[in-house]
Amino acid sequence: MLAESDPGCRRCRLYADFVVRTNARNNGLVGDYRERIGEPKLKLGTTGRLGGSVTVAVGAYSSKATGDSEAVSHRPETFVRQFALSPVAGRWIMYEMKLIRQ
């Protein structure tokens, strides 16, 4: 993910760090954690960046920051992920993103 992101995309880094630390492979995620992504809405901005949003839904799951930590339960939720893409070397990379609870 970070290879497709601008080095200054702070939320991209936070998201990637969470995925590395907490994932199904190390039993950090259990349940319906898979993101279901809706149809993206895109708009080209005046700065040349592409902006947009997409609906993200997840089911009920639990997460653990480390193998020894206590599990935290998460209820099903829907978010809107807003993002900006920037053109670099003929391709679009993630410039910034944020999740907004619905």
N, C-alpha and C. Protein backbone atom coordinates (compact mmCIF):
# COMPACT_ATOMS: atom_id res chain seq x y z
N MET A 1 0.82 -1.19 0.00
CA MET A 1 0.00 0.00 0.00
C MET A 1 0.87 1.26 0.00
N LEU A 2 1.89 1.26 0.81
CA LEU A 2 2.71 2.47 0.90
C LEU A 2 3.47 2.75 -0.40
N ALA A 3 3.74 1.73 -1.18
CA ALA A 3 4.41 1.93 -2.46
C ALA A 3 3.53 2.73 -3.41
N GLU A 4 2.22 2.70 -3.20
CA GLU A 4 1.27 3.43 -4.04
C GLU A 4 0.78 4.71 -3.37
N SER A 5 1.49 5.16 -2.34
CA SER A 5 1.10 6.36 -1.59
C SER A 5 2.21 7.38 -1.58
N ASP A 6 1.82 8.64 -1.51
CA ASP A 6 2.78 9.73 -1.36
C ASP A 6 3.47 9.58 0.00
N PRO A 7 4.78 9.79 0.08
CA PRO A 7 5.46 9.66 1.38
C PRO A 7 4.88 10.55 2.47
N GLY A 8 4.24 11.65 2.10
CA GLY A 8 3.65 12.55 3.08
C GLY A 8 2.23 12.19 3.51
N CYS A 9 1.69 11.10 2.99
CA CYS A 9 0.32 10.69 3.34
C CYS A 9 0.33 10.05 4.72
N ARG A 10 0.09 10.87 5.74
CA ARG A 10 0.18 10.42 7.13
C ARG A 10 -0.85 9.33 7.44
N ARG A 11 -2.07 9.50 6.99
CA ARG A 11 -3.10 8.49 7.28
C ARG A 11 -2.84 7.19 6.53
N CYS A 12 -2.20 7.28 5.37
CA CYS A 12 -1.80 6.06 4.66
C CYS A 12 -0.82 5.27 5.52
N ARG A 13 0.13 5.97 6.11
CA ARG A 13 1.13 5.34 6.98
C ARG A 13 0.46 4.72 8.21
N LEU A 14 -0.46 5.45 8.84
CA LEU A 14 -1.16 4.93 10.02
C LEU A 14 -1.95 3.67 9.68
N TYR A 15 -2.64 3.69 8.55
CA TYR A 15 -3.43 2.54 8.11
C TYR A 15 -2.52 1.34 7.84
N ALA A 16 -1.43 1.57 7.12
CA ALA A 16 -0.50 0.49 6.80
C ALA A 16 0.14 -0.08 8.07
N ASP A 17 0.51 0.79 9.00
CA ASP A 17 1.09 0.32 10.27
C ASP A 17 0.10 -0.55 11.04
N PHE A 18 -1.18 -0.16 11.05
CA PHE A 18 -2.21 -0.95 11.72
C PHE A 18 -2.31 -2.33 11.08
N VAL A 19 -2.33 -2.38 9.75
CA VAL A 19 -2.47 -3.65 9.04
C VAL A 19 -1.27 -4.57 9.30
N VAL A 20 -0.08 -4.00 9.35
CA VAL A 20 1.11 -4.81 9.63
C VAL A 20 1.06 -5.36 11.05
N ARG A 21 0.62 -4.54 12.00
CA ARG A 21 0.60 -4.92 13.41
C ARG A 21 -0.59 -5.81 13.75
N THR A 22 -1.74 -5.54 13.15
CA THR A 22 -2.98 -6.23 13.51
C THR A 22 -3.58 -6.83 12.25
N ASN A 23 -3.47 -8.14 12.11
CA ASN A 23 -4.01 -8.79 10.92
C ASN A 23 -4.45 -10.21 11.25
N ALA A 24 -5.14 -10.84 10.33
CA ALA A 24 -5.67 -12.19 10.56
C ALA A 24 -4.55 -13.22 10.66
N ARG A 25 -3.47 -13.00 9.96
CA ARG A 25 -2.38 -13.96 9.96
C ARG A 25 -1.78 -14.14 11.36
N ASN A 26 -1.73 -13.05 12.15
CA ASN A 26 -1.18 -13.17 13.50
C ASN A 26 -2.29 -13.21 14.56
N ASN A 27 -3.51 -13.55 14.13
CA ASN A 27 -4.68 -13.65 15.01
C ASN A 27 -5.06 -12.32 15.65
N GLY A 28 -4.63 -11.21 15.04
CA GLY A 28 -4.99 -9.89 15.55
C GLY A 28 -6.38 -9.47 15.12
N LEU A 29 -6.92 -10.10 14.09
CA LEU A 29 -8.28 -9.82 13.62
C LEU A 29 -9.05 -11.12 13.54
N VAL A 30 -10.26 -11.12 14.09
CA VAL A 30 -11.12 -12.29 14.04
C VAL A 30 -12.53 -11.81 13.76
N GLY A 31 -13.21 -12.45 12.82
CA GLY A 31 -14.59 -12.09 12.51
C GLY A 31 -14.72 -11.50 11.12
N ASP A 32 -15.72 -10.65 10.95
CA ASP A 32 -16.07 -10.09 9.64
C ASP A 32 -15.39 -8.73 9.45
N TYR A 33 -14.07 -8.72 9.40
CA TYR A 33 -13.29 -7.48 9.29
C TYR A 33 -13.09 -7.03 7.85
N ARG A 34 -13.44 -7.86 6.89
CA ARG A 34 -13.20 -7.55 5.48
C ARG A 34 -13.97 -6.29 5.06
N GLU A 35 -13.27 -5.35 4.43
CA GLU A 35 -13.92 -4.12 3.97
C GLU A 35 -14.71 -4.39 2.69
N ARG A 36 -15.94 -3.94 2.67
CA ARG A 36 -16.77 -4.01 1.47
C ARG A 36 -16.85 -2.59 0.92
N ILE A 37 -16.32 -2.42 -0.28
CA ILE A 37 -16.14 -1.11 -0.88
C ILE A 37 -17.25 -0.85 -1.90
N GLY A 38 -17.87 0.32 -1.79
CA GLY A 38 -18.90 0.72 -2.75
C GLY A 38 -18.28 1.31 -4.02
N GLU A 39 -19.13 1.83 -4.86
CA GLU A 39 -18.69 2.45 -6.11
C GLU A 39 -18.05 3.81 -5.82
N PRO A 40 -16.82 4.04 -6.28
CA PRO A 40 -16.18 5.32 -5.99
C PRO A 40 -16.82 6.48 -6.75
N LYS A 41 -16.81 7.64 -6.12
CA LYS A 41 -17.24 8.89 -6.74
C LYS A 41 -15.98 9.73 -6.90
N LEU A 42 -15.66 10.12 -8.14
CA LEU A 42 -14.40 10.80 -8.43
C LEU A 42 -14.64 12.18 -9.04
N LYS A 43 -13.69 13.09 -8.78
CA LYS A 43 -13.77 14.43 -9.35
C LYS A 43 -12.35 14.96 -9.51
N LEU A 44 -12.04 15.46 -10.71
CA LEU A 44 -10.74 16.05 -10.97
C LEU A 44 -10.72 17.48 -10.46
N GLY A 45 -9.76 17.79 -9.60
CA GLY A 45 -9.66 19.12 -9.01
C GLY A 45 -8.84 20.07 -9.87
N THR A 46 -8.88 21.33 -9.51
CA THR A 46 -8.15 22.35 -10.27
C THR A 46 -6.64 22.24 -10.09
N THR A 47 -6.19 21.55 -9.05
CA THR A 47 -4.75 21.38 -8.81
C THR A 47 -4.17 20.21 -9.58
N GLY A 48 -5.03 19.47 -10.31
CA GLY A 48 -4.57 18.30 -11.04
C GLY A 48 -4.69 17.01 -10.26
N ARG A 49 -5.11 17.12 -9.01
CA ARG A 49 -5.33 15.92 -8.20
C ARG A 49 -6.74 15.40 -8.45
N LEU A 50 -6.88 14.12 -8.24
CA LEU A 50 -8.17 13.47 -8.37
C LEU A 50 -8.69 13.21 -6.97
N GLY A 51 -9.87 13.70 -6.66
CA GLY A 51 -10.45 13.50 -5.34
C GLY A 51 -11.67 12.62 -5.44
N GLY A 52 -12.05 12.07 -4.32
CA GLY A 52 -13.24 11.25 -4.35
C GLY A 52 -13.58 10.68 -3.00
N SER A 53 -14.59 9.84 -3.04
CA SER A 53 -15.03 9.16 -1.83
C SER A 53 -15.61 7.81 -2.21
N VAL A 54 -15.65 6.94 -1.23
CA VAL A 54 -16.20 5.61 -1.42
C VAL A 54 -16.77 5.14 -0.08
N THR A 55 -17.87 4.43 -0.13
CA THR A 55 -18.46 3.87 1.07
C THR A 55 -17.73 2.58 1.43
N VAL A 56 -17.41 2.42 2.72
CA VAL A 56 -16.72 1.24 3.22
C VAL A 56 -17.55 0.66 4.36
N ALA A 57 -17.91 -0.61 4.27
CA ALA A 57 -18.67 -1.27 5.33
C ALA A 57 -17.87 -2.45 5.86
N VAL A 58 -17.88 -2.62 7.18
CA VAL A 58 -17.26 -3.78 7.81
C VAL A 58 -18.28 -4.40 8.76
N GLY A 59 -18.14 -5.69 8.98
CA GLY A 59 -19.02 -6.40 9.90
C GLY A 59 -18.46 -6.39 11.31
N ALA A 60 -19.04 -7.22 12.17
CA ALA A 60 -18.58 -7.33 13.55
C ALA A 60 -17.28 -8.14 13.58
N TYR A 61 -16.30 -7.63 14.33
CA TYR A 61 -15.02 -8.33 14.45
C TYR A 61 -14.35 -7.90 15.74
N SER A 62 -13.28 -8.59 16.08
CA SER A 62 -12.46 -8.18 17.23
C SER A 62 -11.02 -8.01 16.76
N SER A 63 -10.31 -7.12 17.44
CA SER A 63 -8.91 -6.86 17.09
C SER A 63 -8.06 -6.86 18.34
N LYS A 64 -6.78 -7.22 18.15
CA LYS A 64 -5.80 -7.20 19.23
C LYS A 64 -4.55 -6.51 18.69
N ALA A 65 -4.05 -5.54 19.44
CA ALA A 65 -2.86 -4.81 19.02
C ALA A 65 -1.63 -5.71 19.00
N THR A 66 -1.55 -6.63 19.95
CA THR A 66 -0.46 -7.61 20.01
C THR A 66 -1.06 -8.96 20.38
N GLY A 67 -0.28 -10.00 20.22
CA GLY A 67 -0.77 -11.33 20.54
C GLY A 67 -1.19 -11.51 21.99
N ASP A 68 -0.57 -10.75 22.89
CA ASP A 68 -0.86 -10.86 24.31
C ASP A 68 -1.93 -9.90 24.80
N SER A 69 -2.31 -8.93 23.98
CA SER A 69 -3.26 -7.92 24.46
C SER A 69 -4.69 -8.45 24.43
N GLU A 70 -5.56 -7.77 25.15
CA GLU A 70 -6.96 -8.14 25.22
C GLU A 70 -7.68 -7.72 23.94
N ALA A 71 -8.58 -8.57 23.47
CA ALA A 71 -9.32 -8.29 22.24
C ALA A 71 -10.31 -7.14 22.46
N VAL A 72 -10.45 -6.31 21.44
CA VAL A 72 -11.41 -5.20 21.44
C VAL A 72 -12.48 -5.55 20.42
N SER A 73 -13.74 -5.52 20.83
CA SER A 73 -14.85 -5.84 19.93
C SER A 73 -15.27 -4.61 19.14
N HIS A 74 -15.58 -4.83 17.86
CA HIS A 74 -16.04 -3.77 16.97
C HIS A 74 -17.38 -4.19 16.37
N ARG A 75 -18.35 -3.29 16.43
CA ARG A 75 -19.66 -3.57 15.85
C ARG A 75 -19.63 -3.26 14.36
N PRO A 76 -20.60 -3.81 13.61
CA PRO A 76 -20.66 -3.47 12.19
C PRO A 76 -20.77 -1.95 12.01
N GLU A 77 -20.04 -1.42 11.06
CA GLU A 77 -20.04 0.02 10.82
C GLU A 77 -19.93 0.32 9.34
N THR A 78 -20.37 1.50 8.99
CA THR A 78 -20.20 2.01 7.64
C THR A 78 -19.46 3.34 7.72
N PHE A 79 -18.50 3.51 6.85
CA PHE A 79 -17.69 4.72 6.78
C PHE A 79 -17.76 5.28 5.37
N VAL A 80 -17.36 6.52 5.23
CA VAL A 80 -17.03 7.08 3.93
C VAL A 80 -15.53 7.34 3.96
N ARG A 81 -14.82 6.78 3.00
CA ARG A 81 -13.39 7.04 2.88
C ARG A 81 -13.23 8.14 1.83
N GLN A 82 -12.75 9.29 2.27
CA GLN A 82 -12.44 10.37 1.34
C GLN A 82 -10.96 10.28 1.01
N PHE A 83 -10.62 10.58 -0.23
CA PHE A 83 -9.23 10.44 -0.64
C PHE A 83 -8.88 11.45 -1.72
N ALA A 84 -7.60 11.67 -1.86
CA ALA A 84 -7.05 12.49 -2.94
C ALA A 84 -5.92 11.70 -3.58
N LEU A 85 -5.92 11.65 -4.89
CA LEU A 85 -4.88 10.97 -5.65
C LEU A 85 -4.07 12.02 -6.41
N SER A 86 -2.78 11.77 -6.53
CA SER A 86 -1.90 12.71 -7.20
C SER A 86 -1.19 11.99 -8.36
N PRO A 87 -1.06 12.66 -9.52
CA PRO A 87 -0.38 12.01 -10.65
C PRO A 87 1.14 12.01 -10.44
N VAL A 88 1.74 10.83 -10.54
CA VAL A 88 3.19 10.69 -10.41
C VAL A 88 3.66 9.69 -11.46
N ALA A 89 4.53 10.12 -12.34
CA ALA A 89 5.14 9.24 -13.35
C ALA A 89 4.09 8.45 -14.14
N GLY A 90 3.02 9.12 -14.53
CA GLY A 90 2.01 8.49 -15.36
C GLY A 90 1.02 7.59 -14.64
N ARG A 91 1.00 7.63 -13.32
CA ARG A 91 0.03 6.83 -12.56
C ARG A 91 -0.48 7.65 -11.38
N TRP A 92 -1.56 7.20 -10.80
CA TRP A 92 -2.16 7.90 -9.65
C TRP A 92 -1.70 7.24 -8.37
N ILE A 93 -1.26 8.05 -7.40
CA ILE A 93 -0.91 7.51 -6.09
C ILE A 93 -1.75 8.21 -5.03
N MET A 94 -1.93 7.53 -3.89
CA MET A 94 -2.72 8.09 -2.80
C MET A 94 -1.96 9.27 -2.20
N TYR A 95 -2.61 10.43 -2.18
CA TYR A 95 -2.01 11.63 -1.63
C TYR A 95 -2.47 11.85 -0.19
N GLU A 96 -3.74 11.56 0.07
CA GLU A 96 -4.29 11.68 1.42
C GLU A 96 -5.59 10.91 1.48
N MET A 97 -5.97 10.46 2.69
CA MET A 97 -7.25 9.80 2.88
C MET A 97 -7.70 9.98 4.31
N LYS A 98 -9.01 9.84 4.52
CA LYS A 98 -9.54 9.82 5.88
C LYS A 98 -10.86 9.06 5.87
N LEU A 99 -11.18 8.48 7.01
CA LEU A 99 -12.43 7.75 7.19
C LEU A 99 -13.38 8.59 8.03
N ILE A 100 -14.63 8.63 7.60
CA ILE A 100 -15.66 9.37 8.33
C ILE A 100 -16.76 8.38 8.69
N ARG A 101 -17.00 8.23 10.00
CA ARG A 101 -18.07 7.33 10.45
C ARG A 101 -19.42 7.86 10.00
N GLN A 102 -20.29 6.96 9.63
CA GLN A 102 -21.64 7.34 9.20
C GLN A 102 -22.65 7.07 10.30
